[in-house]
């Protein structure tokens, strides 16, 4: 029975999206309401399935877990951002040097072939 409910929910969502394109001559507000209504009805139907209840429980637990996270303060965020930018610059210089070295190697090999040819 849950598969039928989920299929119906997907059908409602698709109908809301199709309504957006079907009502292309209508005001944008009506078109957006069509999509939102389809989404709301799909969520409402999916809510009454086992998977919907599991998803709700998972979402609630995830929200509780985010409250337990120790978020960095501004100073720590700025320090880590600076560290990332410095690493990116160092890697860019390194890759540029490797690329330039390989380019010179290839050019010297190509010119070696021309001289002896």
PDB file of N, CA and C in Angstrom:
ATOM      1  N   UNK A   1       0.815  -1.200   0.000  1.00  0.00           N
ATOM      2  CA  UNK A   1       0.000   0.000   0.000  1.00  0.00           C
ATOM      3  C   UNK A   1       0.859   1.264   0.000  1.00  0.00           C
ATOM      4  N   UNK A   2       2.024   1.187   0.687  1.00  0.00           N
ATOM      5  CA  UNK A   2       2.905   2.355   0.735  1.00  0.00           C
ATOM      6  C   UNK A   2       3.445   2.708  -0.645  1.00  0.00           C
ATOM      7  N   UNK A   3       3.710   1.690  -1.454  1.00  0.00           N
ATOM      8  CA  UNK A   3       4.215   1.970  -2.805  1.00  0.00           C
ATOM      9  C   UNK A   3       3.178   2.711  -3.625  1.00  0.00           C
ATOM     10  N   UNK A   4       1.926   2.378  -3.433  1.00  0.00           N
ATOM     11  CA  UNK A   4       0.858   3.080  -4.151  1.00  0.00           C
ATOM     12  C   UNK A   4       0.790   4.532  -3.686  1.00  0.00           C
ATOM     13  N   UNK A   5       0.890   4.736  -2.367  1.00  0.00           N
ATOM     14  CA  UNK A   5       0.870   6.102  -1.837  1.00  0.00           C
ATOM     15  C   UNK A   5       2.054   6.906  -2.358  1.00  0.00           C
ATOM     16  N   UNK A   6       3.241   6.294  -2.385  1.00  0.00           N
ATOM     17  CA  UNK A   6       4.418   7.014  -2.898  1.00  0.00           C
ATOM     18  C   UNK A   6       4.273   7.319  -4.388  1.00  0.00           C
ATOM     19  N   UNK A   7       3.724   6.371  -5.119  1.00  0.00           N
ATOM     20  CA  UNK A   7       3.480   6.616  -6.547  1.00  0.00           C
ATOM     21  C   UNK A   7       2.498   7.757  -6.740  1.00  0.00           C
ATOM     22  N   UNK A   8       1.448   7.778  -5.914  1.00  0.00           N
ATOM     23  CA  UNK A   8       0.475   8.861  -5.989  1.00  0.00           C
ATOM     24  C   UNK A   8       1.107  10.198  -5.626  1.00  0.00           C
ATOM     25  N   UNK A   9       2.006  10.180  -4.637  1.00  0.00           N
ATOM     26  CA  UNK A   9       2.710  11.406  -4.249  1.00  0.00           C
ATOM     27  C   UNK A   9       3.564  11.918  -5.406  1.00  0.00           C
ATOM     28  N   UNK A  10       4.266  11.017  -6.069  1.00  0.00           N
ATOM     29  CA  UNK A  10       5.063  11.426  -7.231  1.00  0.00           C
ATOM     30  C   UNK A  10       4.175  11.965  -8.348  1.00  0.00           C
ATOM     31  N   UNK A  11       3.009  11.351  -8.523  1.00  0.00           N
ATOM     32  CA  UNK A  11       2.067  11.823  -9.532  1.00  0.00           C
ATOM     33  C   UNK A  11       1.574  13.232  -9.193  1.00  0.00           C
ATOM     34  N   UNK A  12       1.298  13.487  -7.918  1.00  0.00           N
ATOM     35  CA  UNK A  12       0.878  14.830  -7.505  1.00  0.00           C
ATOM     36  C   UNK A  12       1.980  15.857  -7.745  1.00  0.00           C
ATOM     37  N   UNK A  13       3.217  15.476  -7.428  1.00  0.00           N
ATOM     38  CA  UNK A  13       4.344  16.378  -7.665  1.00  0.00           C
ATOM     39  C   UNK A  13       4.503  16.661  -9.156  1.00  0.00           C
ATOM     40  N   UNK A  14       4.416  15.612  -9.973  1.00  0.00           N
ATOM     41  CA  UNK A  14       4.533  15.786 -11.422  1.00  0.00           C
ATOM     42  C   UNK A  14       3.390  16.632 -11.964  1.00  0.00           C
ATOM     43  N   UNK A  15       2.206  16.467 -11.394  1.00  0.00           N
ATOM     44  CA  UNK A  15       1.059  17.264 -11.825  1.00  0.00           C
ATOM     45  C   UNK A  15       1.273  18.747 -11.505  1.00  0.00           C
ATOM     46  N   UNK A  16       1.831  19.024 -10.338  1.00  0.00           N
ATOM     47  CA  UNK A  16       2.115  20.417  -9.979  1.00  0.00           C
ATOM     48  C   UNK A  16       3.125  21.041 -10.919  1.00  0.00           C
ATOM     49  N   UNK A  17       4.158  20.263 -11.265  1.00  0.00           N
ATOM     50  CA  UNK A  17       5.172  20.772 -12.202  1.00  0.00           C
ATOM     51  C   UNK A  17       4.577  20.927 -13.598  1.00  0.00           C
ATOM     52  N   UNK A  18       3.775  19.958 -14.019  1.00  0.00           N
ATOM     53  CA  UNK A  18       3.124  20.052 -15.334  1.00  0.00           C
ATOM     54  C   UNK A  18       2.191  21.259 -15.382  1.00  0.00           C
ATOM     55  N   UNK A  19       1.519  21.549 -14.249  1.00  0.00           N
ATOM     56  CA  UNK A  19       0.646  22.712 -14.191  1.00  0.00           C
ATOM     57  C   UNK A  19       1.407  24.002 -14.421  1.00  0.00           C
ATOM     58  N   UNK A  20       2.659  24.050 -13.985  1.00  0.00           N
ATOM     59  CA  UNK A  20       3.486  25.233 -14.207  1.00  0.00           C
ATOM     60  C   UNK A  20       3.633  25.503 -15.700  1.00  0.00           C
ATOM     61  N   UNK A  21       3.848  24.443 -16.468  1.00  0.00           N
ATOM     62  CA  UNK A  21       4.022  24.622 -17.914  1.00  0.00           C
ATOM     63  C   UNK A  21       2.689  24.748 -18.640  1.00  0.00           C
ATOM     64  N   UNK A  22       1.670  24.069 -18.142  1.00  0.00           N
ATOM     65  CA  UNK A  22       0.346  24.151 -18.765  1.00  0.00           C
ATOM     66  C   UNK A  22      -0.235  25.550 -18.625  1.00  0.00           C
ATOM     67  N   UNK A  23       0.042  26.198 -17.502  1.00  0.00           N
ATOM     68  CA  UNK A  23      -0.496  27.533 -17.237  1.00  0.00           C
ATOM     69  C   UNK A  23       0.475  28.629 -17.674  1.00  0.00           C
ATOM     70  N   UNK A  24       1.198  28.404 -18.749  1.00  0.00           N
ATOM     71  CA  UNK A  24       2.232  29.357 -19.175  1.00  0.00           C
ATOM     72  C   UNK A  24       1.683  30.731 -19.545  1.00  0.00           C
ATOM     73  N   UNK A  25       0.392  30.800 -19.870  1.00  0.00           N
ATOM     74  CA  UNK A  25      -0.204  32.099 -20.201  1.00  0.00           C
ATOM     75  C   UNK A  25      -0.741  32.814 -18.965  1.00  0.00           C
ATOM     76  N   UNK A  26      -0.717  32.146 -17.820  1.00  0.00           N
ATOM     77  CA  UNK A  26      -1.227  32.736 -16.574  1.00  0.00           C
ATOM     78  C   UNK A  26      -0.125  33.529 -15.881  1.00  0.00           C
ATOM     79  N   UNK A  27      -0.521  34.214 -14.830  1.00  0.00           N
ATOM     80  CA  UNK A  27       0.442  34.986 -14.039  1.00  0.00           C
ATOM     81  C   UNK A  27       1.438  34.033 -13.379  1.00  0.00           C
ATOM     82  N   UNK A  28       2.640  34.530 -13.153  1.00  0.00           N
ATOM     83  CA  UNK A  28       3.693  33.704 -12.561  1.00  0.00           C
ATOM     84  C   UNK A  28       3.294  33.218 -11.168  1.00  0.00           C
ATOM     85  N   UNK A  29       2.543  34.031 -10.446  1.00  0.00           N
ATOM     86  CA  UNK A  29       2.113  33.647  -9.101  1.00  0.00           C
ATOM     87  C   UNK A  29       1.265  32.375  -9.171  1.00  0.00           C
ATOM     88  N   UNK A  30       0.373  32.298 -10.103  1.00  0.00           N
ATOM     89  CA  UNK A  30      -0.484  31.123 -10.251  1.00  0.00           C
ATOM     90  C   UNK A  30       0.346  29.906 -10.626  1.00  0.00           C
ATOM     91  N   UNK A  31       1.327  30.102 -11.484  1.00  0.00           N
ATOM     92  CA  UNK A  31       2.180  28.985 -11.895  1.00  0.00           C
ATOM     93  C   UNK A  31       2.992  28.453 -10.714  1.00  0.00           C
ATOM     94  N   UNK A  32       3.524  29.362  -9.909  1.00  0.00           N
ATOM     95  CA  UNK A  32       4.308  28.951  -8.743  1.00  0.00           C
ATOM     96  C   UNK A  32       3.404  28.279  -7.707  1.00  0.00           C
ATOM     97  N   UNK A  33       2.200  28.800  -7.530  1.00  0.00           N
ATOM     98  CA  UNK A  33       1.249  28.173  -6.605  1.00  0.00           C
ATOM     99  C   UNK A  33       0.930  26.756  -7.065  1.00  0.00           C
ATOM    100  N   UNK A  34       0.864  26.541  -8.357  1.00  0.00           N
ATOM    101  CA  UNK A  34       0.619  25.195  -8.889  1.00  0.00           C
ATOM    102  C   UNK A  34       1.719  24.235  -8.452  1.00  0.00           C
ATOM    103  N   UNK A  35       2.958  24.656  -8.577  1.00  0.00           N
ATOM    104  CA  UNK A  35       4.083  23.804  -8.171  1.00  0.00           C
ATOM    105  C   UNK A  35       4.071  23.590  -6.662  1.00  0.00           C
ATOM    106  N   UNK A  36       3.876  24.661  -5.898  1.00  0.00           N
ATOM    107  CA  UNK A  36       3.866  24.546  -4.435  1.00  0.00           C
ATOM    108  C   UNK A  36       2.715  23.669  -3.954  1.00  0.00           C
ATOM    109  N   UNK A  37       1.556  23.780  -4.583  1.00  0.00           N
ATOM    110  CA  UNK A  37       0.416  22.953  -4.209  1.00  0.00           C
ATOM    111  C   UNK A  37       0.706  21.479  -4.504  1.00  0.00           C
ATOM    112  N   UNK A  38       1.276  21.214  -5.672  1.00  0.00           N
ATOM    113  CA  UNK A  38       1.645  19.837  -5.999  1.00  0.00           C
ATOM    114  C   UNK A  38       2.659  19.288  -5.015  1.00  0.00           C
ATOM    115  N   UNK A  39       3.641  20.106  -4.649  1.00  0.00           N
ATOM    116  CA  UNK A  39       4.661  19.684  -3.680  1.00  0.00           C
ATOM    117  C   UNK A  39       4.031  19.436  -2.313  1.00  0.00           C
ATOM    118  N   UNK A  40       3.190  20.351  -1.861  1.00  0.00           N
ATOM    119  CA  UNK A  40       2.542  20.212  -0.558  1.00  0.00           C
ATOM    120  C   UNK A  40       1.672  18.961  -0.504  1.00  0.00           C
ATOM    121  N   UNK A  41       0.882  18.718  -1.545  1.00  0.00           N
ATOM    122  CA  UNK A  41       0.033  17.525  -1.566  1.00  0.00           C
ATOM    123  C   UNK A  41       0.867  16.248  -1.616  1.00  0.00           C
ATOM    124  N   UNK A  42       1.963  16.270  -2.371  1.00  0.00           N
ATOM    125  CA  UNK A  42       2.839  15.099  -2.445  1.00  0.00           C
ATOM    126  C   UNK A  42       3.460  14.806  -1.086  1.00  0.00           C
ATOM    127  N   UNK A  43       3.914  15.841  -0.395  1.00  0.00           N
ATOM    128  CA  UNK A  43       4.505  15.644   0.934  1.00  0.00           C
ATOM    129  C   UNK A  43       3.445  15.137   1.910  1.00  0.00           C
ATOM    130  N   UNK A  44       2.240  15.666   1.806  1.00  0.00           N
ATOM    131  CA  UNK A  44       1.161  15.237   2.692  1.00  0.00           C
ATOM    132  C   UNK A  44       0.849  13.754   2.494  1.00  0.00           C
ATOM    133  N   UNK A  45       0.767  13.310   1.259  1.00  0.00           N
ATOM    134  CA  UNK A  45       0.490  11.895   0.990  1.00  0.00           C
ATOM    135  C   UNK A  45       1.668  11.035   1.435  1.00  0.00           C
ATOM    136  N   UNK A  46       2.892  11.469   1.134  1.00  0.00           N
ATOM    137  CA  UNK A  46       4.079  10.688   1.501  1.00  0.00           C
ATOM    138  C   UNK A  46       4.245  10.614   3.012  1.00  0.00           C
ATOM    139  N   UNK A  47       3.720  11.588   3.734  1.00  0.00           N
ATOM    140  CA  UNK A  47       3.822  11.619   5.193  1.00  0.00           C
ATOM    141  C   UNK A  47       3.200  10.377   5.823  1.00  0.00           C
ATOM    142  N   UNK A  48       2.161   9.853   5.196  1.00  0.00           N
ATOM    143  CA  UNK A  48       1.416   8.742   5.770  1.00  0.00           C
ATOM    144  C   UNK A  48       1.964   7.380   5.341  1.00  0.00           C
ATOM    145  N   UNK A  49       3.172   7.349   4.807  1.00  0.00           N
ATOM    146  CA  UNK A  49       3.819   6.079   4.475  1.00  0.00           C
ATOM    147  C   UNK A  49       4.875   5.765   5.527  1.00  0.00           C
ATOM    148  N   UNK A  50       5.314   4.524   5.551  1.00  0.00           N
ATOM    149  CA  UNK A  50       6.369   4.133   6.488  1.00  0.00           C
ATOM    150  C   UNK A  50       7.644   4.902   6.181  1.00  0.00           C
ATOM    151  N   UNK A  51       7.981   5.022   4.895  1.00  0.00           N
ATOM    152  CA  UNK A  51       9.190   5.754   4.509  1.00  0.00           C
ATOM    153  C   UNK A  51       9.089   7.221   4.892  1.00  0.00           C
ATOM    154  N   UNK A  52       7.889   7.799   4.784  1.00  0.00           N
ATOM    155  CA  UNK A  52       7.696   9.193   5.167  1.00  0.00           C
ATOM    156  C   UNK A  52       7.907   9.400   6.649  1.00  0.00           C
ATOM    157  N   UNK A  53       7.397   8.473   7.449  1.00  0.00           N
ATOM    158  CA  UNK A  53       7.582   8.575   8.898  1.00  0.00           C
ATOM    159  C   UNK A  53       9.039   8.370   9.275  1.00  0.00           C
ATOM    160  N   UNK A  54       9.716   7.453   8.585  1.00  0.00           N
ATOM    161  CA  UNK A  54      11.140   7.244   8.840  1.00  0.00           C
ATOM    162  C   UNK A  54      11.947   8.483   8.463  1.00  0.00           C
ATOM    163  N   UNK A  55      11.600   9.103   7.339  1.00  0.00           N
ATOM    164  CA  UNK A  55      12.298  10.315   6.914  1.00  0.00           C
ATOM    165  C   UNK A  55      12.087  11.442   7.918  1.00  0.00           C
ATOM    166  N   UNK A  56      10.871  11.560   8.442  1.00  0.00           N
ATOM    167  CA  UNK A  56      10.598  12.596   9.433  1.00  0.00           C
ATOM    168  C   UNK A  56      11.417  12.353  10.693  1.00  0.00           C
ATOM    169  N   UNK A  57      11.475  11.097  11.131  1.00  0.00           N
ATOM    170  CA  UNK A  57      12.261  10.770  12.326  1.00  0.00           C
ATOM    171  C   UNK A  57      13.749  11.061  12.080  1.00  0.00           C
ATOM    172  N   UNK A  58      14.237  10.702  10.898  1.00  0.00           N
ATOM    173  CA  UNK A  58      15.629  10.977  10.543  1.00  0.00           C
ATOM    174  C   UNK A  58      15.900  12.482  10.544  1.00  0.00           C
ATOM    175  N   UNK A  59      14.988  13.260   9.996  1.00  0.00           N
ATOM    176  CA  UNK A  59      15.151  14.719   9.952  1.00  0.00           C
ATOM    177  C   UNK A  59      15.183  15.304  11.356  1.00  0.00           C
ATOM    178  N   UNK A  60      14.299  14.817  12.216  1.00  0.00           N
ATOM    179  CA  UNK A  60      14.253  15.306  13.589  1.00  0.00           C
ATOM    180  C   UNK A  60      15.551  14.975  14.325  1.00  0.00           C
ATOM    181  N   UNK A  61      16.051  13.743  14.147  1.00  0.00           N
ATOM    182  CA  UNK A  61      17.306  13.343  14.787  1.00  0.00           C
ATOM    183  C   UNK A  61      18.483  14.141  14.234  1.00  0.00           C
ATOM    184  N   UNK A  62      18.465  14.418  12.931  1.00  0.00           N
ATOM    185  CA  UNK A  62      19.541  15.208  12.322  1.00  0.00           C
ATOM    186  C   UNK A  62      19.567  16.617  12.884  1.00  0.00           C
ATOM    187  N   UNK A  63      18.393  17.180  13.085  1.00  0.00           N
ATOM    188  CA  UNK A  63      18.313  18.529  13.652  1.00  0.00           C
ATOM    189  C   UNK A  63      18.867  18.540  15.077  1.00  0.00           C
ATOM    190  N   UNK A  64      18.566  17.499  15.829  1.00  0.00           N
ATOM    191  CA  UNK A  64      19.100  17.406  17.188  1.00  0.00           C
ATOM    192  C   UNK A  64      20.623  17.260  17.169  1.00  0.00           C
ATOM    193  N   UNK A  65      21.154  16.523  16.217  1.00  0.00           N
ATOM    194  CA  UNK A  65      22.599  16.342  16.123  1.00  0.00           C
ATOM    195  C   UNK A  65      23.305  17.641  15.758  1.00  0.00           C
ATOM    196  N   UNK A  66      22.683  18.449  14.899  1.00  0.00           N
ATOM    197  CA  UNK A  66      23.325  19.719  14.532  1.00  0.00           C
ATOM    198  C   UNK A  66      23.398  20.666  15.727  1.00  0.00           C
ATOM    199  N   UNK A  67      22.500  20.509  16.686  1.00  0.00           N
ATOM    200  CA  UNK A  67      22.564  21.335  17.888  1.00  0.00           C
ATOM    201  C   UNK A  67      23.757  20.954  18.759  1.00  0.00           C
ATOM    202  N   UNK A  68      24.236  19.719  18.619  1.00  0.00           N
ATOM    203  CA  UNK A  68      25.359  19.242  19.420  1.00  0.00           C
ATOM    204  C   UNK A  68      26.715  19.631  18.830  1.00  0.00           C
ATOM    205  N   UNK A  69      26.720  20.062  17.585  1.00  0.00           N
ATOM    206  CA  UNK A  69      27.973  20.399  16.909  1.00  0.00           C
ATOM    207  C   UNK A  69      28.557  21.666  17.516  1.00  0.00           C
ATOM    208  N   UNK A  70      29.857  21.645  17.742  1.00  0.00           N
ATOM    209  CA  UNK A  70      30.552  22.846  18.222  1.00  0.00           C
ATOM    210  C   UNK A  70      31.025  23.598  16.980  1.00  0.00           C
ATOM    211  N   UNK A  71      30.316  24.654  16.643  1.00  0.00           N
ATOM    212  CA  UNK A  71      30.626  25.410  15.443  1.00  0.00           C
ATOM    213  C   UNK A  71      31.815  26.336  15.725  1.00  0.00           C
ATOM    214  N   UNK A  72      32.680  26.548  14.738  1.00  0.00           N
ATOM    215  CA  UNK A  72      33.837  27.425  14.955  1.00  0.00           C
ATOM    216  C   UNK A  72      33.395  28.881  15.094  1.00  0.00           C
ATOM    217  N   UNK A  73      34.188  29.625  15.866  1.00  0.00           N
ATOM    218  CA  UNK A  73      33.880  31.050  15.989  1.00  0.00           C
ATOM    219  C   UNK A  73      34.476  31.791  14.790  1.00  0.00           C
ATOM    220  N   UNK A  74      34.282  33.091  14.753  1.00  0.00           N
ATOM    221  CA  UNK A  74      34.721  33.887  13.601  1.00  0.00           C
ATOM    222  C   UNK A  74      36.232  33.797  13.402  1.00  0.00           C
ATOM    223  N   UNK A  75      36.992  33.882  14.491  1.00  0.00           N
ATOM    224  CA  UNK A  75      38.449  33.854  14.384  1.00  0.00           C
ATOM    225  C   UNK A  75      38.925  32.528  13.783  1.00  0.00           C
ATOM    226  N   UNK A  76      38.384  31.425  14.275  1.00  0.00           N
ATOM    227  CA  UNK A  76      38.780  30.111  13.757  1.00  0.00           C
ATOM    228  C   UNK A  76      38.391  29.962  12.284  1.00  0.00           C
ATOM    229  N   UNK A  77      37.222  30.470  11.942  1.00  0.00           N
ATOM    230  CA  UNK A  77      36.766  30.398  10.544  1.00  0.00           C
ATOM    231  C   UNK A  77      37.698  31.177   9.631  1.00  0.00           C
ATOM    232  N   UNK A  78      38.084  32.372  10.047  1.00  0.00           N
ATOM    233  CA  UNK A  78      38.977  33.197   9.231  1.00  0.00           C
ATOM    234  C   UNK A  78      40.356  32.543   9.103  1.00  0.00           C
ATOM    235  N   UNK A  79      40.858  31.941  10.192  1.00  0.00           N
ATOM    236  CA  UNK A  79      42.164  31.275  10.145  1.00  0.00           C
ATOM    237  C   UNK A  79      42.130  30.094   9.183  1.00  0.00           C
ATOM    238  N   UNK A  80      41.088  29.296   9.259  1.00  0.00           N
ATOM    239  CA  UNK A  80      40.995  28.128   8.374  1.00  0.00           C
ATOM    240  C   UNK A  80      40.807  28.556   6.916  1.00  0.00           C
ATOM    241  N   UNK A  81      40.047  29.622   6.703  1.00  0.00           N
ATOM    242  CA  UNK A  81      39.860  30.128   5.343  1.00  0.00           C
ATOM    243  C   UNK A  81      41.189  30.615   4.780  1.00  0.00           C
ATOM    244  N   UNK A  82      41.959  31.332   5.589  1.00  0.00           N
ATOM    245  CA  UNK A  82      43.276  31.791   5.149  1.00  0.00           C
ATOM    246  C   UNK A  82      44.199  30.627   4.847  1.00  0.00           C
ATOM    247  N   UNK A  83      44.135  29.595   5.667  1.00  0.00           N
ATOM    248  CA  UNK A  83      44.955  28.400   5.438  1.00  0.00           C
ATOM    249  C   UNK A  83      44.589  27.722   4.122  1.00  0.00           C
ATOM    250  N   UNK A  84      43.299  27.627   3.847  1.00  0.00           N
ATOM    251  CA  UNK A  84      42.848  27.015   2.588  1.00  0.00           C
ATOM    252  C   UNK A  84      43.321  27.837   1.398  1.00  0.00           C
ATOM    253  N   UNK A  85      43.175  29.169   1.470  1.00  0.00           N
ATOM    254  CA  UNK A  85      43.638  30.015   0.372  1.00  0.00           C
ATOM    255  C   UNK A  85      45.144  29.899   0.163  1.00  0.00           C
ATOM    256  N   UNK A  86      45.908  29.851   1.255  1.00  0.00           N
ATOM    257  CA  UNK A  86      47.363  29.705   1.135  1.00  0.00           C
ATOM    258  C   UNK A  86      47.712  28.377   0.473  1.00  0.00           C
ATOM    259  N   UNK A  87      47.033  27.320   0.859  1.00  0.00           N
ATOM    260  CA  UNK A  87      47.272  26.007   0.250  1.00  0.00           C
ATOM    261  C   UNK A  87      46.949  26.029  -1.237  1.00  0.00           C
ATOM    262  N   UNK A  88      45.856  26.674  -1.596  1.00  0.00           N
ATOM    263  CA  UNK A  88      45.474  26.759  -3.010  1.00  0.00           C
ATOM    264  C   UNK A  88      46.539  27.507  -3.803  1.00  0.00           C
ATOM    265  N   UNK A  89      47.056  28.599  -3.257  1.00  0.00           N
ATOM    266  CA  UNK A  89      48.092  29.373  -3.950  1.00  0.00           C
ATOM    267  C   UNK A  89      49.359  28.533  -4.109  1.00  0.00           C
ATOM    268  N   UNK A  90      49.774  27.840  -3.039  1.00  0.00           N
ATOM    269  CA  UNK A  90      50.974  27.001  -3.115  1.00  0.00           C
ATOM    270  C   UNK A  90      50.788  25.898  -4.157  1.00  0.00           C
ATOM    271  N   UNK A  91      49.634  25.255  -4.159  1.00  0.00           N
ATOM    272  CA  UNK A  91      49.386  24.184  -5.139  1.00  0.00           C
ATOM    273  C   UNK A  91      49.337  24.742  -6.560  1.00  0.00           C
ATOM    274  N   UNK A  92      48.770  25.920  -6.733  1.00  0.00           N
ATOM    275  CA  UNK A  92      48.716  26.525  -8.066  1.00  0.00           C
ATOM    276  C   UNK A  92      50.127  26.815  -8.571  1.00  0.00           C
ATOM    277  N   UNK A  93      50.980  27.330  -7.708  1.00  0.00           N
ATOM    278  CA  UNK A  93      52.371  27.601  -8.115  1.00  0.00           C
ATOM    279  C   UNK A  93      53.084  26.297  -8.433  1.00  0.00           C
ATOM    280  N   UNK A  94      52.897  25.283  -7.604  1.00  0.00           N
ATOM    281  CA  UNK A  94      53.525  23.984  -7.837  1.00  0.00           C
ATOM    282  C   UNK A  94      53.075  23.402  -9.175  1.00  0.00           C
ATOM    283  N   UNK A  95      51.788  23.401  -9.429  1.00  0.00           N
ATOM    284  CA  UNK A  95      51.285  22.835 -10.689  1.00  0.00           C
ATOM    285  C   UNK A  95      51.748  23.657 -11.884  1.00  0.00           C
ATOM    286  N   UNK A  96      51.848  24.984 -11.726  1.00  0.00           N
ATOM    287  CA  UNK A  96      52.347  25.818 -12.807  1.00  0.00           C
ATOM    288  C   UNK A  96      53.807  25.466 -13.111  1.00  0.00           C
ATOM    289  N   UNK A  97      54.618  25.262 -12.056  1.00  0.00           N
ATOM    290  CA  UNK A  97      56.020  24.887 -12.261  1.00  0.00           C
ATOM    291  C   UNK A  97      56.145  23.516 -12.933  1.00  0.00           C
ATOM    292  N   UNK A  98      55.335  22.560 -12.506  1.00  0.00           N
ATOM    293  CA  UNK A  98      55.357  21.232 -13.140  1.00  0.00           C
ATOM    294  C   UNK A  98      54.942  21.347 -14.598  1.00  0.00           C
ATOM    295  N   UNK A  99      53.898  22.112 -14.866  1.00  0.00           N
ATOM    296  CA  UNK A  99      53.435  22.285 -16.239  1.00  0.00           C
ATOM    297  C   UNK A  99      54.503  22.960 -17.096  1.00  0.00           C
ATOM    298  N   UNK A 100      55.126  24.007 -16.583  1.00  0.00           N
ATOM    299  CA  UNK A 100      56.169  24.708 -17.334  1.00  0.00           C
ATOM    300  C   UNK A 100      57.364  23.794 -17.578  1.00  0.00           C
ATOM    301  N   UNK A 101      57.726  22.989 -16.573  1.00  0.00           N
ATOM    302  CA  UNK A 101      58.843  22.054 -16.742  1.00  0.00           C
ATOM    303  C   UNK A 101      58.537  21.006 -17.799  1.00  0.00           C
ATOM    304  N   UNK A 102      57.334  20.467 -17.767  1.00  0.00           N
ATOM    305  CA  UNK A 102      56.966  19.468 -18.780  1.00  0.00           C
ATOM    306  C   UNK A 102      56.888  20.096 -20.166  1.00  0.00           C
ATOM    307  N   UNK A 103      56.412  21.331 -20.237  1.00  0.00           N
ATOM    308  CA  UNK A 103      56.353  22.018 -21.525  1.00  0.00           C
ATOM    309  C   UNK A 103      57.754  22.214 -22.101  1.00  0.00           C
ATOM    310  N   UNK A 104      58.705  22.640 -21.252  1.00  0.00           N
ATOM    311  CA  UNK A 104      60.087  22.816 -21.734  1.00  0.00           C
ATOM    312  C   UNK A 104      60.676  21.472 -22.161  1.00  0.00           C
ATOM    313  N   UNK A 105      60.376  20.413 -21.419  1.00  0.00           N
ATOM    314  CA  UNK A 105      60.876  19.083 -21.773  1.00  0.00           C
ATOM    315  C   UNK A 105      60.330  18.640 -23.122  1.00  0.00           C
ATOM    316  N   UNK A 106      59.042  18.817 -23.323  1.00  0.00           N
ATOM    317  CA  UNK A 106      58.420  18.425 -24.596  1.00  0.00           C
ATOM    318  C   UNK A 106      58.977  19.269 -25.735  1.00  0.00           C
ATOM    319  N   UNK A 107      59.136  20.582 -25.521  1.00  0.00           N
ATOM    320  CA  UNK A 107      59.698  21.441 -26.571  1.00  0.00           C
ATOM    321  C   UNK A 107      61.126  21.031 -26.913  1.00  0.00           C
ATOM    322  N   UNK A 108      61.911  20.697 -25.905  1.00  0.00           N
ATOM    323  CA  UNK A 108      63.291  20.298 -26.188  1.00  0.00           C
ATOM    324  C   UNK A 108      63.327  18.961 -26.930  1.00  0.00           C
ATOM    325  N   UNK A 109      62.438  18.048 -26.583  1.00  0.00           N
ATOM    326  CA  UNK A 109      62.369  16.770 -27.309  1.00  0.00           C
ATOM    327  C   UNK A 109      61.895  16.973 -28.739  1.00  0.00           C
ATOM    328  N   UNK A 110      60.954  17.886 -28.942  1.00  0.00           N
ATOM    329  CA  UNK A 110      60.457  18.154 -30.291  1.00  0.00           C
ATOM    330  C   UNK A 110      61.539  18.822 -31.146  1.00  0.00           C
ATOM    331  N   UNK A 111      62.262  19.748 -30.570  1.00  0.00           N
ATOM    332  CA  UNK A 111      63.332  20.408 -31.329  1.00  0.00           C
ATOM    333  C   UNK A 111      64.484  19.456 -31.576  1.00  0.00           C
ATOM    334  N   UNK A 112      64.743  18.517 -30.686  1.00  0.00           N
ATOM    335  CA  UNK A 112      65.795  17.509 -30.894  1.00  0.00           C
ATOM    336  C   UNK A 112      65.471  16.661 -32.117  1.00  0.00           C
ATOM    337  N   UNK A 113      64.205  16.316 -32.286  1.00  0.00           N
ATOM    338  CA  UNK A 113      63.805  15.519 -33.447  1.00  0.00           C
ATOM    339  C   UNK A 113      63.961  16.286 -34.746  1.00  0.00           C
ATOM    340  N   UNK A 114      63.733  17.596 -34.735  1.00  0.00           N
ATOM    341  CA  UNK A 114      63.845  18.407 -35.937  1.00  0.00           C
ATOM    342  C   UNK A 114      65.307  18.580 -36.361  1.00  0.00           C
ATOM    343  N   UNK A 115      66.198  18.733 -35.359  1.00  0.00           N
ATOM    344  CA  UNK A 115      67.614  18.940 -35.660  1.00  0.00           C
ATOM    345  C   UNK A 115      68.221  17.703 -36.316  1.00  0.00           C
ATOM    346  N   UNK A 116      67.831  16.535 -35.903  1.00  0.00           N
ATOM    347  CA  UNK A 116      68.419  15.300 -36.423  1.00  0.00           C
ATOM    348  C   UNK A 116      67.645  14.758 -37.612  1.00  0.00           C
ATOM    349  N   UNK A 117      66.573  15.356 -37.997  1.00  0.00           N
ATOM    350  CA  UNK A 117      65.733  14.829 -39.056  1.00  0.00           C
ATOM    351  C   UNK A 117      66.158  15.270 -40.370  1.00  0.00           C
TER     352      UNK A 117
END
